[in-house]
Amino acid sequence: MHHRKAKAETSKGKVYYTTHQWLTQKAEECIREVVKERLARPNIRHKSFLEHVEWLNPKIQGWRNYYYMAYSQQRMAKLD
C-alpha cells in the first residue's frame, strides 16, 4: 500500500494532518493475476459458475477488508 501524509481541514477551519493510503499497482496486478489464474486454466473451465464464485468470494472479501480505505475507493472500484 502507498502511505502519504496529507493536510486536511475540519469544517471549523482547524488544520490537521492525516494519512492517505491506497492500493499499489503491484498489489492490483497480483489480485488480477490470481483471478486470471483461476478462471483461465483449461483444466478448471469444466467447473460450474457457482464453484468459481464460492472459491473467489472469500478471496475478494479478504482483499476488500485489507485494502479498502477511504482513499482507495477509486482503485478498488476499478478492480470491481
N, C-alpha and C. Protein backbone atom coordinates (compact mmCIF):
# COMPACT_ATOMS: atom_id res chain seq x y z
N MET A 1 0.83 -1.18 0.00
CA MET A 1 0.00 0.00 0.00
C MET A 1 0.88 1.24 0.00
N HIS A 2 0.35 2.28 -0.62
CA HIS A 2 1.01 3.58 -0.56
C HIS A 2 0.51 4.31 0.68
N HIS A 3 1.40 4.99 1.36
CA HIS A 3 1.04 5.80 2.52
C HIS A 3 1.58 7.20 2.29
N ARG A 4 0.70 8.19 2.39
CA ARG A 4 1.13 9.58 2.20
C ARG A 4 0.54 10.45 3.29
N LYS A 5 1.35 11.36 3.80
CA LYS A 5 0.90 12.34 4.78
C LYS A 5 0.21 13.46 4.01
N ALA A 6 -0.96 13.86 4.48
CA ALA A 6 -1.71 14.89 3.78
C ALA A 6 -2.32 15.87 4.78
N LYS A 7 -2.41 17.09 4.35
CA LYS A 7 -3.01 18.13 5.18
C LYS A 7 -4.51 18.13 4.93
N ALA A 8 -5.28 18.23 5.99
CA ALA A 8 -6.74 18.28 5.88
C ALA A 8 -7.25 19.38 6.79
N GLU A 9 -8.51 19.73 6.59
CA GLU A 9 -9.10 20.82 7.36
C GLU A 9 -10.49 20.42 7.81
N THR A 10 -10.81 20.73 9.07
CA THR A 10 -12.14 20.45 9.59
C THR A 10 -13.13 21.49 9.07
N SER A 11 -14.40 21.27 9.32
CA SER A 11 -15.42 22.23 8.88
C SER A 11 -15.31 23.56 9.62
N LYS A 12 -14.62 23.55 10.76
CA LYS A 12 -14.42 24.78 11.54
C LYS A 12 -13.11 25.47 11.19
N GLY A 13 -12.40 24.96 10.21
CA GLY A 13 -11.17 25.59 9.75
C GLY A 13 -9.90 25.15 10.45
N LYS A 14 -9.98 24.17 11.34
CA LYS A 14 -8.79 23.68 12.03
C LYS A 14 -8.02 22.74 11.10
N VAL A 15 -6.73 22.99 10.95
CA VAL A 15 -5.88 22.20 10.06
C VAL A 15 -5.25 21.05 10.85
N TYR A 16 -5.23 19.87 10.24
CA TYR A 16 -4.59 18.72 10.86
C TYR A 16 -3.97 17.87 9.75
N TYR A 17 -3.15 16.92 10.14
CA TYR A 17 -2.51 16.02 9.18
C TYR A 17 -3.08 14.62 9.34
N THR A 18 -3.23 13.95 8.23
CA THR A 18 -3.77 12.60 8.23
C THR A 18 -2.96 11.75 7.24
N THR A 19 -3.21 10.47 7.25
CA THR A 19 -2.51 9.57 6.34
C THR A 19 -3.47 9.07 5.28
N HIS A 20 -3.11 9.24 4.01
CA HIS A 20 -3.86 8.68 2.91
C HIS A 20 -3.19 7.37 2.53
N GLN A 21 -4.00 6.34 2.33
CA GLN A 21 -3.47 5.03 1.94
C GLN A 21 -4.26 4.53 0.75
N TRP A 22 -3.57 3.92 -0.20
CA TRP A 22 -4.26 3.34 -1.34
C TRP A 22 -3.45 2.18 -1.90
N LEU A 23 -4.11 1.43 -2.76
CA LEU A 23 -3.58 0.21 -3.36
C LEU A 23 -2.45 0.53 -4.34
N THR A 24 -1.37 -0.24 -4.26
CA THR A 24 -0.27 -0.06 -5.21
C THR A 24 -0.59 -0.79 -6.52
N GLN A 25 0.10 -0.40 -7.55
CA GLN A 25 -0.06 -1.04 -8.86
C GLN A 25 0.33 -2.52 -8.78
N LYS A 26 1.39 -2.82 -8.03
CA LYS A 26 1.85 -4.20 -7.89
C LYS A 26 0.79 -5.07 -7.21
N ALA A 27 0.15 -4.55 -6.16
CA ALA A 27 -0.89 -5.31 -5.47
C ALA A 27 -2.09 -5.53 -6.37
N GLU A 28 -2.44 -4.50 -7.14
CA GLU A 28 -3.55 -4.61 -8.06
C GLU A 28 -3.27 -5.69 -9.12
N GLU A 29 -2.07 -5.72 -9.65
CA GLU A 29 -1.70 -6.73 -10.63
C GLU A 29 -1.73 -8.13 -10.04
N CYS A 30 -1.31 -8.25 -8.79
CA CYS A 30 -1.32 -9.55 -8.11
C CYS A 30 -2.75 -10.07 -7.96
N ILE A 31 -3.66 -9.20 -7.59
CA ILE A 31 -5.07 -9.58 -7.44
C ILE A 31 -5.62 -10.05 -8.79
N ARG A 32 -5.35 -9.28 -9.83
CA ARG A 32 -5.83 -9.65 -11.17
C ARG A 32 -5.24 -10.99 -11.62
N GLU A 33 -3.98 -11.22 -11.30
CA GLU A 33 -3.32 -12.46 -11.70
C GLU A 33 -3.94 -13.68 -11.02
N VAL A 34 -4.30 -13.56 -9.75
CA VAL A 34 -4.92 -14.68 -9.05
C VAL A 34 -6.27 -15.02 -9.68
N VAL A 35 -7.05 -14.01 -10.02
CA VAL A 35 -8.35 -14.24 -10.64
C VAL A 35 -8.17 -14.85 -12.03
N LYS A 36 -7.24 -14.32 -12.82
CA LYS A 36 -7.00 -14.86 -14.16
C LYS A 36 -6.52 -16.30 -14.09
N GLU A 37 -5.64 -16.58 -13.14
CA GLU A 37 -5.11 -17.94 -12.99
C GLU A 37 -6.22 -18.92 -12.70
N ARG A 38 -7.15 -18.50 -11.89
CA ARG A 38 -8.26 -19.38 -11.52
C ARG A 38 -9.21 -19.59 -12.70
N LEU A 39 -9.52 -18.55 -13.43
CA LEU A 39 -10.55 -18.63 -14.45
C LEU A 39 -10.05 -19.02 -15.84
N ALA A 40 -8.77 -18.86 -16.11
CA ALA A 40 -8.27 -19.06 -17.47
C ALA A 40 -7.71 -20.45 -17.74
N ARG A 41 -7.43 -21.21 -16.70
CA ARG A 41 -6.81 -22.53 -16.93
C ARG A 41 -7.80 -23.47 -17.62
N PRO A 42 -7.37 -24.16 -18.66
CA PRO A 42 -8.28 -25.06 -19.40
C PRO A 42 -8.84 -26.20 -18.55
N ASN A 43 -8.03 -26.71 -17.63
CA ASN A 43 -8.49 -27.86 -16.82
C ASN A 43 -9.47 -27.45 -15.73
N ILE A 44 -9.73 -26.18 -15.54
CA ILE A 44 -10.64 -25.73 -14.50
C ILE A 44 -11.94 -25.19 -15.09
N ARG A 45 -11.99 -25.07 -16.41
CA ARG A 45 -13.17 -24.50 -17.08
C ARG A 45 -14.42 -25.36 -16.96
N HIS A 46 -14.25 -26.63 -16.67
CA HIS A 46 -15.41 -27.52 -16.55
C HIS A 46 -16.19 -27.28 -15.26
N LYS A 47 -15.61 -26.57 -14.31
CA LYS A 47 -16.30 -26.31 -13.05
C LYS A 47 -17.45 -25.34 -13.28
N SER A 48 -18.44 -25.47 -12.45
CA SER A 48 -19.63 -24.62 -12.61
C SER A 48 -19.34 -23.19 -12.15
N PHE A 49 -20.19 -22.30 -12.57
CA PHE A 49 -20.09 -20.89 -12.19
C PHE A 49 -20.15 -20.76 -10.67
N LEU A 50 -21.03 -21.51 -10.03
CA LEU A 50 -21.19 -21.46 -8.58
C LEU A 50 -19.90 -21.87 -7.86
N GLU A 51 -19.20 -22.88 -8.38
CA GLU A 51 -17.93 -23.30 -7.76
C GLU A 51 -16.88 -22.20 -7.85
N HIS A 52 -16.83 -21.51 -8.98
CA HIS A 52 -15.89 -20.38 -9.12
C HIS A 52 -16.24 -19.26 -8.14
N VAL A 53 -17.52 -18.97 -8.03
CA VAL A 53 -17.97 -17.91 -7.11
C VAL A 53 -17.63 -18.27 -5.67
N GLU A 54 -17.88 -19.52 -5.29
CA GLU A 54 -17.57 -19.97 -3.92
C GLU A 54 -16.08 -19.88 -3.63
N TRP A 55 -15.24 -20.12 -4.62
CA TRP A 55 -13.79 -20.03 -4.43
C TRP A 55 -13.32 -18.58 -4.38
N LEU A 56 -13.89 -17.73 -5.26
CA LEU A 56 -13.44 -16.35 -5.37
C LEU A 56 -13.98 -15.43 -4.26
N ASN A 57 -15.19 -15.66 -3.80
CA ASN A 57 -15.79 -14.75 -2.82
C ASN A 57 -14.94 -14.53 -1.57
N PRO A 58 -14.43 -15.57 -0.91
CA PRO A 58 -13.60 -15.31 0.27
C PRO A 58 -12.32 -14.53 -0.06
N LYS A 59 -11.74 -14.80 -1.22
CA LYS A 59 -10.53 -14.08 -1.61
C LYS A 59 -10.84 -12.61 -1.86
N ILE A 60 -11.89 -12.34 -2.59
CA ILE A 60 -12.27 -10.95 -2.87
C ILE A 60 -12.63 -10.22 -1.59
N GLN A 61 -13.36 -10.87 -0.71
CA GLN A 61 -13.72 -10.24 0.57
C GLN A 61 -12.48 -9.95 1.40
N GLY A 62 -11.53 -10.86 1.39
CA GLY A 62 -10.28 -10.63 2.12
C GLY A 62 -9.50 -9.45 1.56
N TRP A 63 -9.42 -9.34 0.23
CA TRP A 63 -8.73 -8.19 -0.38
C TRP A 63 -9.43 -6.89 -0.03
N ARG A 64 -10.77 -6.92 -0.07
CA ARG A 64 -11.52 -5.71 0.26
C ARG A 64 -11.30 -5.34 1.73
N ASN A 65 -11.30 -6.29 2.61
CA ASN A 65 -11.09 -5.99 4.03
C ASN A 65 -9.70 -5.40 4.27
N TYR A 66 -8.71 -5.89 3.55
CA TYR A 66 -7.34 -5.44 3.76
C TYR A 66 -7.06 -4.10 3.10
N TYR A 67 -7.49 -3.94 1.86
CA TYR A 67 -7.11 -2.76 1.08
C TYR A 67 -8.13 -1.63 1.09
N TYR A 68 -9.36 -1.86 1.44
CA TYR A 68 -10.40 -0.86 1.29
C TYR A 68 -10.32 0.19 2.39
N MET A 69 -10.01 1.39 2.01
CA MET A 69 -9.97 2.54 2.91
C MET A 69 -10.55 3.73 2.16
N ALA A 70 -10.73 4.82 2.85
CA ALA A 70 -11.39 5.99 2.25
C ALA A 70 -10.71 6.44 0.95
N TYR A 71 -9.39 6.41 0.90
CA TYR A 71 -8.69 6.93 -0.27
C TYR A 71 -8.39 5.86 -1.32
N SER A 72 -8.75 4.62 -1.04
CA SER A 72 -8.52 3.55 -2.02
C SER A 72 -9.79 3.17 -2.76
N GLN A 73 -10.87 3.88 -2.53
CA GLN A 73 -12.16 3.52 -3.13
C GLN A 73 -12.12 3.51 -4.65
N GLN A 74 -11.45 4.48 -5.27
CA GLN A 74 -11.40 4.53 -6.73
C GLN A 74 -10.64 3.33 -7.31
N ARG A 75 -9.53 2.97 -6.68
CA ARG A 75 -8.75 1.83 -7.19
C ARG A 75 -9.53 0.53 -7.03
N MET A 76 -10.20 0.37 -5.88
CA MET A 76 -10.97 -0.85 -5.64
C MET A 76 -12.18 -0.91 -6.58
N ALA A 77 -12.79 0.23 -6.85
CA ALA A 77 -13.93 0.25 -7.79
C ALA A 77 -13.46 -0.14 -9.19
N LYS A 78 -12.25 0.26 -9.55
CA LYS A 78 -11.68 -0.11 -10.84
C LYS A 78 -11.51 -1.63 -10.94
N LEU A 79 -11.11 -2.26 -9.86
CA LEU A 79 -10.98 -3.72 -9.84
C LEU A 79 -12.34 -4.41 -9.94
N ASP A 80 -13.34 -3.84 -9.30
CA ASP A 80 -14.68 -4.43 -9.36
C ASP A 80 -15.16 -4.51 -10.79
